[in-house]
Amino acid sequence: MGYITALNQLKAKKLKEVRVEALRAGFKNSWEQKDFKTIVTLGDMIPQNILLEDEQLLMYYDIAKD
């Protein structure tokens, strides 16, 4: 199941297991489409340590949040 599909189905539940490579690709794709809401929403659903430990994910998330 894709993370965006999970995002639409789960509504505010935390994702426990994620693949960082898939998140990077998804964040990049959402960024290119100017879909900042998806980046922020998904960023809020993943464990915070994953977000904080990956510079690319954190960059997309921080900029999308502003």
PDB file of N, CA and C in Angstrom:
ATOM      1  N   MET A   1       0.848  -1.174   0.000  1.00  0.00           N
ATOM      2  CA  MET A   1       0.000   0.000   0.000  1.00  0.00           C
ATOM      3  C   MET A   1       0.889   1.231   0.000  1.00  0.00           C
ATOM      4  N   GLY A   2       0.553   2.189  -0.812  1.00  0.00           N
ATOM      5  CA  GLY A   2       1.321   3.416  -0.868  1.00  0.00           C
ATOM      6  C   GLY A   2       1.024   4.289   0.339  1.00  0.00           C
ATOM      7  N   TYR A   3       1.964   5.147   0.675  1.00  0.00           N
ATOM      8  CA  TYR A   3       1.787   6.016   1.841  1.00  0.00           C
ATOM      9  C   TYR A   3       0.653   7.002   1.632  1.00  0.00           C
ATOM     10  N   ILE A   4       0.481   7.477   0.405  1.00  0.00           N
ATOM     11  CA  ILE A   4      -0.610   8.429   0.142  1.00  0.00           C
ATOM     12  C   ILE A   4      -1.946   7.716   0.299  1.00  0.00           C
ATOM     13  N   THR A   5      -2.032   6.477  -0.153  1.00  0.00           N
ATOM     14  CA  THR A   5      -3.255   5.700   0.026  1.00  0.00           C
ATOM     15  C   THR A   5      -3.524   5.501   1.510  1.00  0.00           C
ATOM     16  N   ALA A   6      -2.480   5.177   2.248  1.00  0.00           N
ATOM     17  CA  ALA A   6      -2.624   5.013   3.694  1.00  0.00           C
ATOM     18  C   ALA A   6      -3.066   6.312   4.331  1.00  0.00           C
ATOM     19  N   LEU A   7      -2.518   7.391   3.863  1.00  0.00           N
ATOM     20  CA  LEU A   7      -2.870   8.716   4.383  1.00  0.00           C
ATOM     21  C   LEU A   7      -4.366   8.966   4.212  1.00  0.00           C
ATOM     22  N   ASN A   8      -4.894   8.636   3.064  1.00  0.00           N
ATOM     23  CA  ASN A   8      -6.311   8.853   2.795  1.00  0.00           C
ATOM     24  C   ASN A   8      -7.212   7.917   3.585  1.00  0.00           C
ATOM     25  N   GLN A   9      -6.730   6.717   3.874  1.00  0.00           N
ATOM     26  CA  GLN A   9      -7.558   5.726   4.555  1.00  0.00           C
ATOM     27  C   GLN A   9      -7.466   5.806   6.075  1.00  0.00           C
ATOM     28  N   LEU A  10      -6.299   6.097   6.602  1.00  0.00           N
ATOM     29  CA  LEU A  10      -6.090   5.998   8.041  1.00  0.00           C
ATOM     30  C   LEU A  10      -6.562   7.217   8.826  1.00  0.00           C
ATOM     31  N   LYS A  11      -6.479   8.390   8.235  1.00  0.00           N
ATOM     32  CA  LYS A  11      -6.918   9.614   8.888  1.00  0.00           C
ATOM     33  C   LYS A  11      -6.342   9.765  10.297  1.00  0.00           C
ATOM     34  N   ALA A  12      -5.142  10.290  10.353  1.00  0.00           N
ATOM     35  CA  ALA A  12      -4.485  10.705  11.595  1.00  0.00           C
ATOM     36  C   ALA A  12      -3.886   9.579  12.427  1.00  0.00           C
ATOM     37  N   LYS A  13      -3.834   8.366  11.923  1.00  0.00           N
ATOM     38  CA  LYS A  13      -3.130   7.319  12.663  1.00  0.00           C
ATOM     39  C   LYS A  13      -1.642   7.423  12.337  1.00  0.00           C
ATOM     40  N   LYS A  14      -0.820   7.047  13.284  1.00  0.00           N
ATOM     41  CA  LYS A  14       0.626   7.050  13.068  1.00  0.00           C
ATOM     42  C   LYS A  14       1.027   5.831  12.254  1.00  0.00           C
ATOM     43  N   LEU A  15       1.954   6.037  11.323  1.00  0.00           N
ATOM     44  CA  LEU A  15       2.528   4.927  10.567  1.00  0.00           C
ATOM     45  C   LEU A  15       3.709   4.406  11.369  1.00  0.00           C
ATOM     46  N   LYS A  16       3.741   3.107  11.621  1.00  0.00           N
ATOM     47  CA  LYS A  16       4.798   2.540  12.458  1.00  0.00           C
ATOM     48  C   LYS A  16       6.023   2.131  11.658  1.00  0.00           C
ATOM     49  N   GLU A  17       5.795   1.557  10.490  1.00  0.00           N
ATOM     50  CA  GLU A  17       6.916   1.115   9.665  1.00  0.00           C
ATOM     51  C   GLU A  17       6.874   1.848   8.334  1.00  0.00           C
ATOM     52  N   VAL A  18       7.972   2.509   8.017  1.00  0.00           N
ATOM     53  CA  VAL A  18       8.055   3.241   6.758  1.00  0.00           C
ATOM     54  C   VAL A  18       9.411   2.995   6.113  1.00  0.00           C
ATOM     55  N   ARG A  19       9.444   3.107   4.805  1.00  0.00           N
ATOM     56  CA  ARG A  19      10.711   3.015   4.080  1.00  0.00           C
ATOM     57  C   ARG A  19      11.143   4.431   3.742  1.00  0.00           C
ATOM     58  N   VAL A  20      12.315   4.798   4.205  1.00  0.00           N
ATOM     59  CA  VAL A  20      12.815   6.154   4.020  1.00  0.00           C
ATOM     60  C   VAL A  20      12.943   6.485   2.541  1.00  0.00           C
ATOM     61  N   GLU A  21      13.370   5.514   1.726  1.00  0.00           N
ATOM     62  CA  GLU A  21      13.521   5.761   0.283  1.00  0.00           C
ATOM     63  C   GLU A  21      12.175   6.110  -0.342  1.00  0.00           C
ATOM     64  N   ALA A  22      11.135   5.416   0.059  1.00  0.00           N
ATOM     65  CA  ALA A  22       9.803   5.681  -0.473  1.00  0.00           C
ATOM     66  C   ALA A  22       9.302   7.049  -0.015  1.00  0.00           C
ATOM     67  N   LEU A  23       9.582   7.386   1.233  1.00  0.00           N
ATOM     68  CA  LEU A  23       9.189   8.703   1.736  1.00  0.00           C
ATOM     69  C   LEU A  23       9.901   9.817   0.980  1.00  0.00           C
ATOM     70  N   ARG A  24      11.194   9.639   0.752  1.00  0.00           N
ATOM     71  CA  ARG A  24      11.950  10.655  -0.001  1.00  0.00           C
ATOM     72  C   ARG A  24      11.339  10.863  -1.383  1.00  0.00           C
ATOM     73  N   ALA A  25      11.056   9.772  -2.066  1.00  0.00           N
ATOM     74  CA  ALA A  25      10.476   9.859  -3.408  1.00  0.00           C
ATOM     75  C   ALA A  25       9.100  10.515  -3.358  1.00  0.00           C
ATOM     76  N   GLY A  26       8.302  10.148  -2.381  1.00  0.00           N
ATOM     77  CA  GLY A  26       6.972  10.727  -2.251  1.00  0.00           C
ATOM     78  C   GLY A  26       7.006  12.199  -1.899  1.00  0.00           C
ATOM     79  N   PHE A  27       7.893  12.577  -0.981  1.00  0.00           N
ATOM     80  CA  PHE A  27       8.030  13.983  -0.612  1.00  0.00           C
ATOM     81  C   PHE A  27       8.496  14.794  -1.819  1.00  0.00           C
ATOM     82  N   LYS A  28       9.446  14.241  -2.572  1.00  0.00           N
ATOM     83  CA  LYS A  28       9.948  14.949  -3.758  1.00  0.00           C
ATOM     84  C   LYS A  28       8.835  15.126  -4.783  1.00  0.00           C
ATOM     85  N   ASN A  29       8.084  14.068  -5.016  1.00  0.00           N
ATOM     86  CA  ASN A  29       6.982  14.129  -5.968  1.00  0.00           C
ATOM     87  C   ASN A  29       5.925  15.143  -5.512  1.00  0.00           C
ATOM     88  N   SER A  30       5.575  15.105  -4.258  1.00  0.00           N
ATOM     89  CA  SER A  30       4.591  16.064  -3.730  1.00  0.00           C
ATOM     90  C   SER A  30       5.122  17.484  -3.827  1.00  0.00           C
ATOM     91  N   TRP A  31       6.413  17.645  -3.580  1.00  0.00           N
ATOM     92  CA  TRP A  31       7.026  18.979  -3.676  1.00  0.00           C
ATOM     93  C   TRP A  31       6.913  19.512  -5.102  1.00  0.00           C
ATOM     94  N   GLU A  32       7.241  18.659  -6.068  1.00  0.00           N
ATOM     95  CA  GLU A  32       7.184  19.069  -7.470  1.00  0.00           C
ATOM     96  C   GLU A  32       5.763  19.437  -7.890  1.00  0.00           C
ATOM     97  N   GLN A  33       4.778  18.809  -7.270  1.00  0.00           N
ATOM     98  CA  GLN A  33       3.380  19.099  -7.577  1.00  0.00           C
ATOM     99  C   GLN A  33       2.821  20.212  -6.682  1.00  0.00           C
ATOM    100  N   LYS A  34       3.681  20.775  -5.844  1.00  0.00           N
ATOM    101  CA  LYS A  34       3.294  21.829  -4.904  1.00  0.00           C
ATOM    102  C   LYS A  34       2.175  21.373  -3.961  1.00  0.00           C
ATOM    103  N   ASP A  35       2.238  20.093  -3.596  1.00  0.00           N
ATOM    104  CA  ASP A  35       1.260  19.504  -2.677  1.00  0.00           C
ATOM    105  C   ASP A  35       1.874  19.463  -1.276  1.00  0.00           C
ATOM    106  N   PHE A  36       2.009  20.636  -0.692  1.00  0.00           N
ATOM    107  CA  PHE A  36       2.691  20.764   0.596  1.00  0.00           C
ATOM    108  C   PHE A  36       1.875  20.170   1.739  1.00  0.00           C
ATOM    109  N   LYS A  37       0.573  20.181   1.603  1.00  0.00           N
ATOM    110  CA  LYS A  37      -0.288  19.623   2.647  1.00  0.00           C
ATOM    111  C   LYS A  37      -0.007  18.135   2.859  1.00  0.00           C
ATOM    112  N   THR A  38       0.197  17.409   1.771  1.00  0.00           N
ATOM    113  CA  THR A  38       0.488  15.977   1.877  1.00  0.00           C
ATOM    114  C   THR A  38       1.808  15.752   2.600  1.00  0.00           C
ATOM    115  N   ILE A  39       2.822  16.546   2.303  1.00  0.00           N
ATOM    116  CA  ILE A  39       4.120  16.415   2.961  1.00  0.00           C
ATOM    117  C   ILE A  39       3.970  16.622   4.462  1.00  0.00           C
ATOM    118  N   VAL A  40       3.272  17.669   4.851  1.00  0.00           N
ATOM    119  CA  VAL A  40       3.109  17.974   6.274  1.00  0.00           C
ATOM    120  C   VAL A  40       2.276  16.903   6.966  1.00  0.00           C
ATOM    121  N   THR A  41       1.186  16.503   6.344  1.00  0.00           N
ATOM    122  CA  THR A  41       0.313  15.493   6.949  1.00  0.00           C
ATOM    123  C   THR A  41       1.047  14.173   7.120  1.00  0.00           C
ATOM    124  N   LEU A  42       1.734  13.738   6.088  1.00  0.00           N
ATOM    125  CA  LEU A  42       2.484  12.489   6.162  1.00  0.00           C
ATOM    126  C   LEU A  42       3.647  12.620   7.139  1.00  0.00           C
ATOM    127  N   GLY A  43       4.314  13.759   7.133  1.00  0.00           N
ATOM    128  CA  GLY A  43       5.399  13.991   8.082  1.00  0.00           C
ATOM    129  C   GLY A  43       4.934  13.898   9.522  1.00  0.00           C
ATOM    130  N   ASP A  44       3.708  14.317   9.769  1.00  0.00           N
ATOM    131  CA  ASP A  44       3.147  14.228  11.120  1.00  0.00           C
ATOM    132  C   ASP A  44       2.754  12.802  11.497  1.00  0.00           C
ATOM    133  N   MET A  45       2.598  11.933  10.489  1.00  0.00           N
ATOM    134  CA  MET A  45       2.164  10.555  10.744  1.00  0.00           C
ATOM    135  C   MET A  45       3.311   9.572  10.951  1.00  0.00           C
ATOM    136  N   ILE A  46       4.511   9.950  10.547  1.00  0.00           N
ATOM    137  CA  ILE A  46       5.639   9.031  10.686  1.00  0.00           C
ATOM    138  C   ILE A  46       6.336   9.278  12.023  1.00  0.00           C
ATOM    139  N   PRO A  47       7.080   8.289  12.521  1.00  0.00           N
ATOM    140  CA  PRO A  47       7.817   8.509  13.769  1.00  0.00           C
ATOM    141  C   PRO A  47       8.763   9.705  13.636  1.00  0.00           C
ATOM    142  N   GLN A  48       8.767  10.558  14.628  1.00  0.00           N
ATOM    143  CA  GLN A  48       9.534  11.797  14.561  1.00  0.00           C
ATOM    144  C   GLN A  48      11.030  11.537  14.391  1.00  0.00           C
ATOM    145  N   ASN A  49      11.552  10.459  14.966  1.00  0.00           N
ATOM    146  CA  ASN A  49      12.986  10.191  14.835  1.00  0.00           C
ATOM    147  C   ASN A  49      13.384   9.947  13.385  1.00  0.00           C
ATOM    148  N   ILE A  50      12.503   9.354  12.587  1.00  0.00           N
ATOM    149  CA  ILE A  50      12.810   9.127  11.168  1.00  0.00           C
ATOM    150  C   ILE A  50      12.914  10.469  10.455  1.00  0.00           C
ATOM    151  N   LEU A  51      11.997  11.344  10.749  1.00  0.00           N
ATOM    152  CA  LEU A  51      11.997  12.670  10.137  1.00  0.00           C
ATOM    153  C   LEU A  51      13.240  13.458  10.531  1.00  0.00           C
ATOM    154  N   LEU A  52      13.586  13.420  11.800  1.00  0.00           N
ATOM    155  CA  LEU A  52      14.714  14.209  12.293  1.00  0.00           C
ATOM    156  C   LEU A  52      16.071  13.649  11.870  1.00  0.00           C
ATOM    157  N   GLU A  53      16.141  12.361  11.610  1.00  0.00           N
ATOM    158  CA  GLU A  53      17.413  11.733  11.257  1.00  0.00           C
ATOM    159  C   GLU A  53      17.709  11.791   9.761  1.00  0.00           C
ATOM    160  N   ASP A  54      16.761  12.189   8.949  1.00  0.00           N
ATOM    161  CA  ASP A  54      16.980  12.243   7.507  1.00  0.00           C
ATOM    162  C   ASP A  54      16.900  13.697   7.044  1.00  0.00           C
ATOM    163  N   GLU A  55      18.014  14.226   6.581  1.00  0.00           N
ATOM    164  CA  GLU A  55      18.092  15.640   6.202  1.00  0.00           C
ATOM    165  C   GLU A  55      17.130  16.003   5.075  1.00  0.00           C
ATOM    166  N   GLN A  56      16.998  15.127   4.087  1.00  0.00           N
ATOM    167  CA  GLN A  56      16.109  15.406   2.951  1.00  0.00           C
ATOM    168  C   GLN A  56      14.659  15.492   3.393  1.00  0.00           C
ATOM    169  N   LEU A  57      14.216  14.507   4.165  1.00  0.00           N
ATOM    170  CA  LEU A  57      12.835  14.510   4.637  1.00  0.00           C
ATOM    171  C   LEU A  57      12.557  15.743   5.486  1.00  0.00           C
ATOM    172  N   LEU A  58      13.484  16.048   6.375  1.00  0.00           N
ATOM    173  CA  LEU A  58      13.314  17.192   7.268  1.00  0.00           C
ATOM    174  C   LEU A  58      13.262  18.498   6.481  1.00  0.00           C
ATOM    175  N   MET A  59      14.085  18.618   5.444  1.00  0.00           N
ATOM    176  CA  MET A  59      14.090  19.822   4.627  1.00  0.00           C
ATOM    177  C   MET A  59      12.727  20.016   3.955  1.00  0.00           C
ATOM    178  N   TYR A  60      12.235  18.965   3.280  1.00  0.00           N
ATOM    179  CA  TYR A  60      10.933  19.062   2.624  1.00  0.00           C
ATOM    180  C   TYR A  60       9.841  19.411   3.642  1.00  0.00           C
ATOM    181  N   TYR A  61       9.853  18.731   4.776  1.00  0.00           N
ATOM    182  CA  TYR A  61       8.831  18.934   5.800  1.00  0.00           C
ATOM    183  C   TYR A  61       8.878  20.349   6.358  1.00  0.00           C
ATOM    184  N   ASP A  62      10.058  20.813   6.735  1.00  0.00           N
ATOM    185  CA  ASP A  62      10.179  22.156   7.318  1.00  0.00           C
ATOM    186  C   ASP A  62       9.733  23.245   6.347  1.00  0.00           C
ATOM    187  N   ILE A  63      10.148  23.138   5.091  1.00  0.00           N
ATOM    188  CA  ILE A  63       9.795  24.162   4.110  1.00  0.00           C
ATOM    189  C   ILE A  63       8.298  24.093   3.792  1.00  0.00           C
ATOM    190  N   ALA A  64       7.751  22.882   3.694  1.00  0.00           N
ATOM    191  CA  ALA A  64       6.323  22.731   3.387  1.00  0.00           C
ATOM    192  C   ALA A  64       5.464  23.252   4.529  1.00  0.00           C
ATOM    193  N   LYS A  65       5.969  23.143   5.736  1.00  0.00           N
ATOM    194  CA  LYS A  65       5.202  23.568   6.909  1.00  0.00           C
ATOM    195  C   LYS A  65       5.090  25.088   6.986  1.00  0.00           C
ATOM    196  N   ASP A  66       6.056  25.806   6.445  1.00  0.00           N
ATOM    197  CA  ASP A  66       6.034  27.276   6.533  1.00  0.00           C
ATOM    198  C   ASP A  66       5.065  27.885   5.621  1.00  0.00           C
TER     199      ASP A  66
END
